[in-house]
Each structure stands twice: as C-alpha cells, then as structure tokens.
C-alpha cells in the first residue's frame, strides 16, 4: 500500500500545537537574521558596513531578502489553510455536498506532490538567473570574488524561487478551482448572494499575500547601489505581483459572475414570458399580483452581476497601498539613521 504523502515542512510547522504562519515567519526571520549578523561578526565585517556604502547596501539587501524568505515561509501555510477555510465556508452553497469533501481532499499544497516539486524547482532555477540580469558578467557567479553579503544574496535566491513558485501555484490553482466551482457547482440565490461572500474573501486574502511580497521588494529599492540591473529586476517583480494580486481578486469571482448573469437572464426571460402570457390572456389579476410580479422583475434586474461589494473593493485598494507605505516608512527610517550616524 502506497504511503500517504506528507504535508510540506512549513505547513507542518505552522500547524504544530501553539504554531501559526505568523510565528513561523517571525521565528524564521529572527533565526536567519541572527545567523547573518553572526556571519558578519565572524568575518569582522561589522565595522566595514558602517564605513562603506556599498557594503552597507549589500547587508541591508541581505536582510530584505531574509525578510522576504521568512514571509514566504509563513505565507505558504496561510494560503493553503485559507483555501480550505474558503471551501468550508462555501459548503452551504454547494449543489452537490459530496463536492465539498472532494475539493478539500484535493487542495493544492496540503500534500507534497511531484507537480508542486517540479514547480518549485523551476522557480529556483529561474531565480538563480537573477544575478545575470543585475550584472551581466561571468564573474557574477564567481563566489570567491564576491563580498560575503553578495554570496548570501546568491545563496538565498534558490530557496526564494522555490517558495515563490510554490506559493504562486497554490494561489493560482485554488483560484481556478473557485472559478470552476462558481460557474457550475454553487447555488445562485437571487434573493441573497451572501453565501458567495467567501469567494471575495479568498480573492482579498490572495491579494494581501501579493501586497506583502511587493512590500519587501520595495524595501530593496532603497539599496540602488548594490547592482546596476537591480531596479529592473525589482520593477519586474513588483509588476508581476501587482498582476497576480489583481488576478487573485478577479479569478475566484469570475465563475460566480457568469453563473449570476446566467441565472438572471433565465429568470428575466421567465418573468417576461409570464407577463406576456397574462397580457395576452386578458385575465383579471388579483389585487397586487401584477405589482408583485413587476417588483420581482425589478429586484432581479438590480441584483449585482459580481458577488463583491464596495467595502471589499476599498479593502483591495487599501491592500495595494500597503507596499507604498512600507517603502515610505523604510525610506524615512533610512534617512533618520543616516542623520543620527552623521
């Protein structure tokens, strides 16, 4: 009998007694940051960091990459558990209750799979090419010729690519699942669409994860002295995350949008046919019957085509503003520290 695949390491750590994605991220950042400082102290580099702008920029970039790595470690279990929570919240709206259990058993990231491993390996390989984009010279991977901080940058690229690719895969695949379920497997109640609200919450959750990644990339923008091609790489990364955040909000809602439009069209056609039949028959209507039919028709026409409200859209815009706030805060702290030191 085949052994059941285990959950990924980060998910197991987040689900330990007393554990959580946030605690996992904070512990990872604290541990890796302390290792970096110990590494610098061992090499006697700490005094150099205060005197050489390039070395200090390399050190700050290493801290930013460590922060991103820790964030991704916590974001992966948060995305997996969020996908499961969305399916449970949608359970009352399923046309076939058996689909709930089937979908939960198939959530991407809950078990280690060859597919997810291949995606992670592709991401790691792609990220290992980043130094060629920032500094297109053969020496960019000659570790013996690089300062210690630049070596740390390169050692972090593989794990970062692995985590980014797997996290993106979880969000994309689960968003596609919600898209398909919304189109064909969920009950559309034109009197009350609140049963579809978990779809919007899932989109917001994914958007928030993307905004967090942009925040760390913008913090790295403070160190434009590290490499001439670094701003281009960071711009591409931020643009990709912006596109992912927008798609993460839109995709889970698309299928439900199509189902709502389809249900509204069918109900309006039925209502029109009934009103026409009444008019052609010329029968006397009971008091209020025609008014009720017309009121129902107006209600159906007023039902929104998308299961999302204005407060949800405002939160989405607010999430996208988080990276700008983090960048401005980082720039302010940088300026303050320089004034204090000088």
Protein backbone atom coordinates (compact mmCIF):
# COMPACT_ATOMS: atom_id res chain seq x y z
CA UNK A 1 0.00 0.00 0.00
CA UNK A 2 1.42 3.37 -1.02
CA UNK A 3 2.38 5.65 1.82
CA UNK A 4 0.37 8.85 2.00
CA UNK A 5 2.35 11.94 1.06
CA UNK A 6 3.27 14.18 3.99
CA UNK A 7 2.43 17.85 4.26
CA UNK A 8 5.19 20.33 3.33
CA UNK A 9 7.55 21.29 6.14
CA UNK A 10 6.28 24.85 6.54
CA UNK A 11 2.68 23.65 6.80
CA UNK A 12 3.60 21.07 9.43
CA UNK A 13 5.42 23.70 11.47
CA UNK A 14 2.54 26.17 11.26
CA UNK A 15 0.07 23.52 12.42
CA UNK A 16 2.07 22.30 15.40
CA UNK A 17 0.47 22.95 18.81
CA UNK A 18 0.97 26.64 19.50
CA UNK A 19 2.19 27.28 15.99
CA UNK A 20 0.85 29.62 13.31
CA UNK A 21 2.03 31.04 9.97
CA UNK A 22 2.91 34.34 11.68
CA UNK A 23 5.00 32.68 14.39
CA UNK A 24 6.76 30.57 11.77
CA UNK A 25 7.65 33.69 9.75
CA UNK A 26 8.87 35.62 12.81
CA UNK A 27 10.97 32.68 14.03
CA UNK A 28 12.50 32.19 10.57
CA UNK A 29 13.37 35.88 10.25
CA UNK A 30 14.89 36.06 13.74
CA UNK A 31 16.95 32.92 13.21
CA UNK A 32 18.25 33.83 9.76
CA UNK A 33 18.96 37.46 10.72
CA UNK A 34 20.97 36.30 13.74
CA UNK A 35 22.91 33.90 11.51
CA UNK A 36 23.69 36.77 9.13
CA UNK A 37 24.93 39.00 11.97
CA UNK A 38 27.00 36.15 13.41
CA UNK A 39 28.46 35.54 9.96
CA UNK A 40 29.41 39.21 9.63
CA UNK A 41 30.92 39.28 13.13
CA UNK A 42 32.92 36.13 12.42
CA UNK A 43 34.41 37.75 9.32
CA UNK A 44 34.98 41.05 11.09
CA UNK A 45 32.74 42.86 8.61
CA UNK A 46 30.56 44.86 11.00
CA UNK A 47 32.97 47.87 11.18
CA UNK A 48 33.25 47.83 7.37
CA UNK A 49 29.47 48.01 6.97
CA UNK A 50 29.41 51.35 8.73
CA UNK A 51 32.14 52.87 6.53
CA UNK A 52 31.48 51.56 3.02
CA UNK A 53 28.13 52.48 1.41
CA UNK A 54 28.20 49.51 -0.97
CA UNK A 55 28.87 47.00 1.82
CA UNK A 56 26.09 48.53 3.93
CA UNK A 57 23.71 48.34 0.96
CA UNK A 58 24.62 44.69 0.41
CA UNK A 59 23.94 43.98 4.08
CA UNK A 60 20.54 45.72 4.03
CA UNK A 61 19.59 43.88 0.85
CA UNK A 62 20.52 40.59 2.52
CA UNK A 63 18.21 41.49 5.43
CA UNK A 64 15.42 42.37 2.99
CA UNK A 65 15.83 39.01 1.22
CA UNK A 66 15.79 37.21 4.57
CA UNK A 67 12.59 39.06 5.45
CA UNK A 68 11.04 38.01 2.13
CA UNK A 69 12.12 34.41 2.68
CA UNK A 70 10.58 34.35 6.16
CA UNK A 71 7.40 35.97 4.84
CA UNK A 72 7.06 33.33 2.13
CA UNK A 73 7.57 30.54 4.66
CA UNK A 74 4.57 31.84 6.60
CA UNK A 75 2.50 32.78 3.54
CA UNK A 76 2.51 29.25 2.10
CA UNK A 77 0.65 27.58 5.01
CA UNK A 78 -1.59 30.65 5.28
CA UNK A 79 -2.60 30.25 1.61
CA UNK A 80 -3.23 26.50 1.96
CA UNK A 81 -5.28 26.86 5.13
CA UNK A 82 -7.11 29.83 3.63
CA UNK A 83 -8.12 27.74 0.61
CA UNK A 84 -9.51 25.05 2.92
CA UNK A 85 -11.37 27.63 5.00
CA UNK A 86 -12.97 29.09 1.86
CA UNK A 87 -14.26 25.68 0.76
CA UNK A 88 -15.75 25.04 4.22
CA UNK A 89 -17.44 28.44 4.23
CA UNK A 90 -18.88 27.75 0.77
CA UNK A 91 -20.25 24.35 1.81
CA UNK A 92 -23.91 25.52 2.25
CA UNK A 93 -23.92 26.85 -1.32
CA UNK A 94 -22.72 23.61 -2.98
CA UNK A 95 -25.31 21.92 -5.21
CA UNK A 96 -23.63 18.57 -4.50
CA UNK A 97 -22.46 18.28 -0.87
CA UNK A 98 -20.07 15.47 -1.85
CA UNK A 99 -18.00 18.01 -3.78
CA UNK A 100 -17.00 19.72 -0.54
CA UNK A 101 -15.07 16.72 0.72
CA UNK A 102 -13.58 16.01 -2.70
CA UNK A 103 -12.36 19.59 -3.06
CA UNK A 104 -10.91 19.69 0.45
CA UNK A 105 -9.02 16.45 -0.15
CA UNK A 106 -7.52 17.92 -3.32
CA UNK A 107 -6.38 21.33 -2.02
CA UNK A 108 -3.01 22.21 -3.56
CA UNK A 109 -0.19 22.34 -1.04
CA UNK A 110 -1.79 20.15 1.62
CA UNK A 111 0.40 17.24 0.48
CA UNK A 112 3.79 17.15 -1.17
CA UNK A 113 3.29 16.18 -4.82
CA UNK A 114 5.65 15.73 -7.79
CA UNK A 115 3.83 18.55 -9.57
CA UNK A 116 4.49 21.02 -6.78
CA UNK A 117 8.10 19.85 -6.57
CA UNK A 118 8.62 20.49 -10.29
CA UNK A 119 7.07 23.96 -9.96
CA UNK A 120 9.36 24.78 -7.04
CA UNK A 121 12.44 23.52 -8.91
CA UNK A 122 11.54 25.67 -11.92
CA UNK A 123 11.18 28.74 -9.69
CA UNK A 124 14.52 28.06 -8.01
CA UNK A 125 16.27 27.71 -11.38
CA UNK A 126 14.67 30.91 -12.64
CA UNK A 127 15.73 32.91 -9.59
CA UNK A 128 19.30 31.67 -9.89
CA UNK A 129 19.46 33.61 -13.17
CA UNK A 130 18.70 36.92 -11.42
CA UNK A 131 22.41 37.84 -10.89
CA UNK A 132 22.89 37.71 -14.67
CA UNK A 133 20.14 40.32 -15.05
CA UNK A 134 21.64 42.62 -12.42
CA UNK A 135 25.25 42.23 -13.54
CA UNK A 136 25.77 40.53 -16.90
CA UNK A 137 29.37 39.43 -16.44
CA UNK A 138 30.94 35.97 -15.99
CA UNK A 139 32.18 36.96 -12.53
CA UNK A 140 28.65 37.35 -11.16
CA UNK A 141 28.68 33.71 -10.00
CA UNK A 142 32.37 33.51 -9.04
CA UNK A 143 31.70 33.35 -5.30
CA UNK A 144 35.40 33.60 -4.43
CA UNK A 145 35.48 37.10 -5.96
CA UNK A 146 32.35 38.39 -4.23
CA UNK A 147 31.95 40.10 -0.86
CA UNK A 148 30.32 37.95 1.83
CA UNK A 149 27.00 39.79 1.63
CA UNK A 150 26.72 39.18 -2.13
CA UNK A 151 27.37 35.49 -1.51
CA UNK A 152 24.46 35.49 0.94
CA UNK A 153 22.26 37.08 -1.76
CA UNK A 154 23.03 34.27 -4.16
CA UNK A 155 22.56 31.54 -1.58
CA UNK A 156 19.09 32.89 -0.80
CA UNK A 157 17.95 33.03 -4.44
CA UNK A 158 17.29 29.30 -4.82
CA UNK A 159 15.08 28.99 -1.71
CA UNK A 160 13.30 32.22 -2.63
CA UNK A 161 12.49 30.95 -6.13
CA UNK A 162 11.31 27.63 -4.69
CA UNK A 163 8.95 29.32 -2.23
CA UNK A 164 7.64 31.99 -4.65
CA UNK A 165 6.83 29.41 -7.33
CA UNK A 166 5.04 27.06 -4.95
CA UNK A 167 3.07 29.86 -3.29
CA UNK A 168 2.04 31.25 -6.67
CA UNK A 169 0.97 27.78 -7.77
CA UNK A 170 -1.23 27.33 -4.69
CA UNK A 171 -2.95 30.69 -5.21
CA UNK A 172 -3.39 30.20 -8.97
CA UNK A 173 -4.67 26.61 -8.84
CA UNK A 174 -7.03 27.27 -5.96
CA UNK A 175 -8.33 30.44 -7.63
CA UNK A 176 -9.02 28.40 -10.76
CA UNK A 177 -10.84 25.83 -8.61
CA UNK A 178 -13.09 28.55 -7.15
CA UNK A 179 -13.67 29.89 -10.66
CA UNK A 180 -14.87 26.47 -11.87
CA UNK A 181 -16.98 25.84 -8.76
CA UNK A 182 -18.63 29.24 -9.01
CA UNK A 183 -19.57 28.65 -12.64
CA UNK A 184 -21.20 25.25 -12.25
CA UNK A 185 -21.27 23.87 -8.72
CA UNK A 186 -22.69 26.61 -6.47
CA UNK A 187 -26.31 27.52 -5.83
CA UNK A 188 -27.21 31.02 -7.00
CA UNK A 189 -29.89 32.61 -4.82
CA UNK A 190 -31.02 35.86 -6.41
CA UNK A 191 -32.68 36.87 -3.14
CA UNK A 192 -29.44 36.66 -1.15
CA UNK A 193 -25.90 36.39 -2.55
CA UNK A 194 -24.23 36.37 0.85
CA UNK A 195 -23.47 32.66 0.51
CA UNK A 196 -20.93 33.64 -2.18
CA UNK A 197 -19.04 36.12 0.02
CA UNK A 198 -16.24 33.59 0.76
CA UNK A 199 -15.18 33.95 -2.88
CA UNK A 200 -14.44 37.65 -2.41
CA UNK A 201 -12.66 36.97 0.89
CA UNK A 202 -10.47 34.39 -0.83
CA UNK A 203 -9.54 36.93 -3.50
CA UNK A 204 -8.70 39.54 -0.87
CA UNK A 205 -6.57 37.03 1.04
CA UNK A 206 -4.52 36.27 -2.06
CA UNK A 207 -4.21 39.97 -2.86
CA UNK A 208 -2.88 40.65 0.62
CA UNK A 209 -0.21 37.96 0.17
CA UNK A 210 0.86 39.58 -3.11
CA UNK A 211 0.96 43.01 -1.47
CA UNK A 212 3.28 41.63 1.21
CA UNK A 213 5.74 40.41 -1.41
CA UNK A 214 5.70 43.82 -3.10
CA UNK A 215 6.47 45.45 0.25
CA UNK A 216 9.73 43.52 0.62
CA UNK A 217 10.70 44.21 -2.98
CA UNK A 218 10.14 47.95 -2.49
CA UNK A 219 12.27 47.89 0.66
CA UNK A 220 15.06 46.52 -1.53
CA UNK A 221 14.62 49.60 -3.77
CA UNK A 222 16.27 51.63 -1.01
CA UNK A 223 19.57 49.99 -1.96
CA UNK A 224 20.04 51.02 -5.58
CA UNK A 225 23.85 50.93 -5.20
CA UNK A 226 24.01 47.13 -4.99
CA UNK A 227 23.93 46.38 -8.73
CA UNK A 228 23.12 48.40 -11.86
CA UNK A 229 20.41 45.99 -13.01
CA UNK A 230 18.70 45.60 -9.63
CA UNK A 231 15.98 48.26 -10.20
CA UNK A 232 14.89 46.50 -13.41
CA UNK A 233 14.58 43.16 -11.60
CA UNK A 234 12.61 44.76 -8.77
CA UNK A 235 10.28 46.56 -11.19
CA UNK A 236 9.54 43.28 -12.97
CA UNK A 237 8.92 41.58 -9.62
CA UNK A 238 6.57 44.33 -8.43
CA UNK A 239 4.68 44.38 -11.75
CA UNK A 240 4.26 40.60 -11.66
CA UNK A 241 2.94 40.76 -8.09
CA UNK A 242 0.53 43.56 -8.97
CA UNK A 243 -0.84 41.49 -11.85
CA UNK A 244 -1.07 38.45 -9.57
CA UNK A 245 -2.92 40.45 -6.90
CA UNK A 246 -5.47 41.73 -9.43
CA UNK A 247 -5.95 38.26 -10.92
CA UNK A 248 -6.22 36.77 -7.42
CA UNK A 249 -9.21 39.01 -6.70
CA UNK A 250 -10.87 38.61 -10.11
CA UNK A 251 -10.44 34.91 -10.83
CA UNK A 252 -12.32 33.42 -7.83
CA UNK A 253 -15.27 35.69 -8.69
CA UNK A 254 -15.38 35.09 -12.46
CA UNK A 255 -17.24 31.78 -12.40
CA UNK A 256 -19.83 33.04 -9.93
CA UNK A 257 -20.25 36.16 -12.08
CA UNK A 258 -21.04 34.01 -15.10
CA UNK A 259 -23.49 31.92 -13.08
CA UNK A 260 -25.25 35.02 -11.71
CA UNK A 261 -25.60 36.53 -15.19
CA UNK A 262 -26.93 33.21 -16.49
CA UNK A 263 -29.42 32.88 -13.63
CA UNK A 264 -30.59 36.49 -14.01
CA UNK A 265 -31.12 36.08 -17.75
CA UNK A 266 -33.14 32.88 -17.26
CA UNK A 267 -35.27 34.46 -14.53
CA UNK A 268 -35.90 37.61 -16.58
CA UNK A 269 -36.92 35.54 -19.58
CA UNK A 270 -39.31 33.52 -17.42
CA UNK A 271 -40.74 36.69 -15.89
CA UNK A 272 -41.18 38.29 -19.32
CA UNK A 273 -42.93 35.20 -20.63
CA UNK A 274 -45.32 35.17 -17.67
CA UNK A 275 -46.16 38.87 -18.04
CA UNK A 276 -46.73 38.47 -21.77
CA UNK A 277 -48.97 35.45 -21.23
CA UNK A 278 -51.02 37.38 -18.68
CA UNK A 279 -51.41 40.30 -21.04
CA UNK A 280 -52.44 38.09 -23.97
CA UNK A 281 -54.94 36.13 -21.84
CA UNK A 282 -56.56 39.34 -20.64
CA UNK A 283 -57.45 37.66 -17.37
CA UNK A 284 -58.34 39.70 -14.33
CA UNK A 285 -55.50 39.70 -11.79
CA UNK A 286 -55.95 39.53 -8.05
CA UNK A 287 -55.11 42.82 -6.34
CA UNK A 288 -51.35 43.22 -6.04
CA UNK A 289 -50.44 40.21 -8.23
CA UNK A 290 -49.17 42.25 -11.16
CA UNK A 291 -47.40 44.68 -8.84
CA UNK A 292 -45.64 41.76 -7.13
CA UNK A 293 -44.54 40.32 -10.47
CA UNK A 294 -43.17 43.68 -11.60
CA UNK A 295 -41.42 44.24 -8.24
CA UNK A 296 -39.76 40.81 -8.50
CA UNK A 297 -38.59 41.64 -12.01
CA UNK A 298 -37.08 44.95 -10.82
CA UNK A 299 -35.34 43.11 -7.98
CA UNK A 300 -33.80 40.58 -10.36
CA UNK A 301 -32.56 43.39 -12.61
CA UNK A 302 -30.96 45.13 -9.61
CA UNK A 303 -29.03 42.06 -8.41
CA UNK A 304 -25.30 42.80 -8.94
CA UNK A 305 -23.55 40.71 -11.59
CA UNK A 306 -20.48 40.29 -9.38
CA UNK A 307 -20.58 38.85 -5.83
CA UNK A 308 -18.49 41.71 -4.47
CA UNK A 309 -19.44 44.92 -2.71
CA UNK A 310 -17.90 48.37 -2.40
CA UNK A 311 -16.24 47.75 1.02
CA UNK A 312 -14.43 44.75 -0.48
CA UNK A 313 -13.11 46.87 -3.34
CA UNK A 314 -11.97 49.52 -0.86
CA UNK A 315 -10.07 46.90 1.11
CA UNK A 316 -8.42 45.71 -2.10
CA UNK A 317 -7.22 49.24 -2.88
CA UNK A 318 -6.00 49.57 0.71
CA UNK A 319 -4.04 46.33 0.40
CA UNK A 320 -2.32 47.62 -2.71
CA UNK A 321 -1.37 50.78 -0.79
CA UNK A 322 0.43 48.75 1.91
CA UNK A 323 3.65 48.38 -0.17
CA UNK A 324 3.83 52.13 -0.74
CA UNK A 325 3.51 52.73 2.98
CA UNK A 326 6.25 50.21 3.74
CA UNK A 327 8.55 51.85 1.18
CA UNK A 328 7.94 55.33 2.57
CA UNK A 329 8.44 54.05 6.11
CA UNK A 330 11.70 52.35 5.12
CA UNK A 331 12.94 55.49 3.38
CA UNK A 332 12.11 57.59 6.45
CA UNK A 333 13.95 55.20 8.80
CA UNK A 334 16.92 55.15 6.41
CA UNK A 335 17.09 58.96 6.38
CA UNK A 336 16.71 59.15 10.15
CA UNK A 337 19.50 56.65 10.75
CA UNK A 338 21.85 58.46 8.37
CA UNK A 339 21.27 61.74 10.22
CA UNK A 340 21.85 60.12 13.59
CA UNK A 341 25.06 58.42 12.44
CA UNK A 342 26.39 61.54 10.74
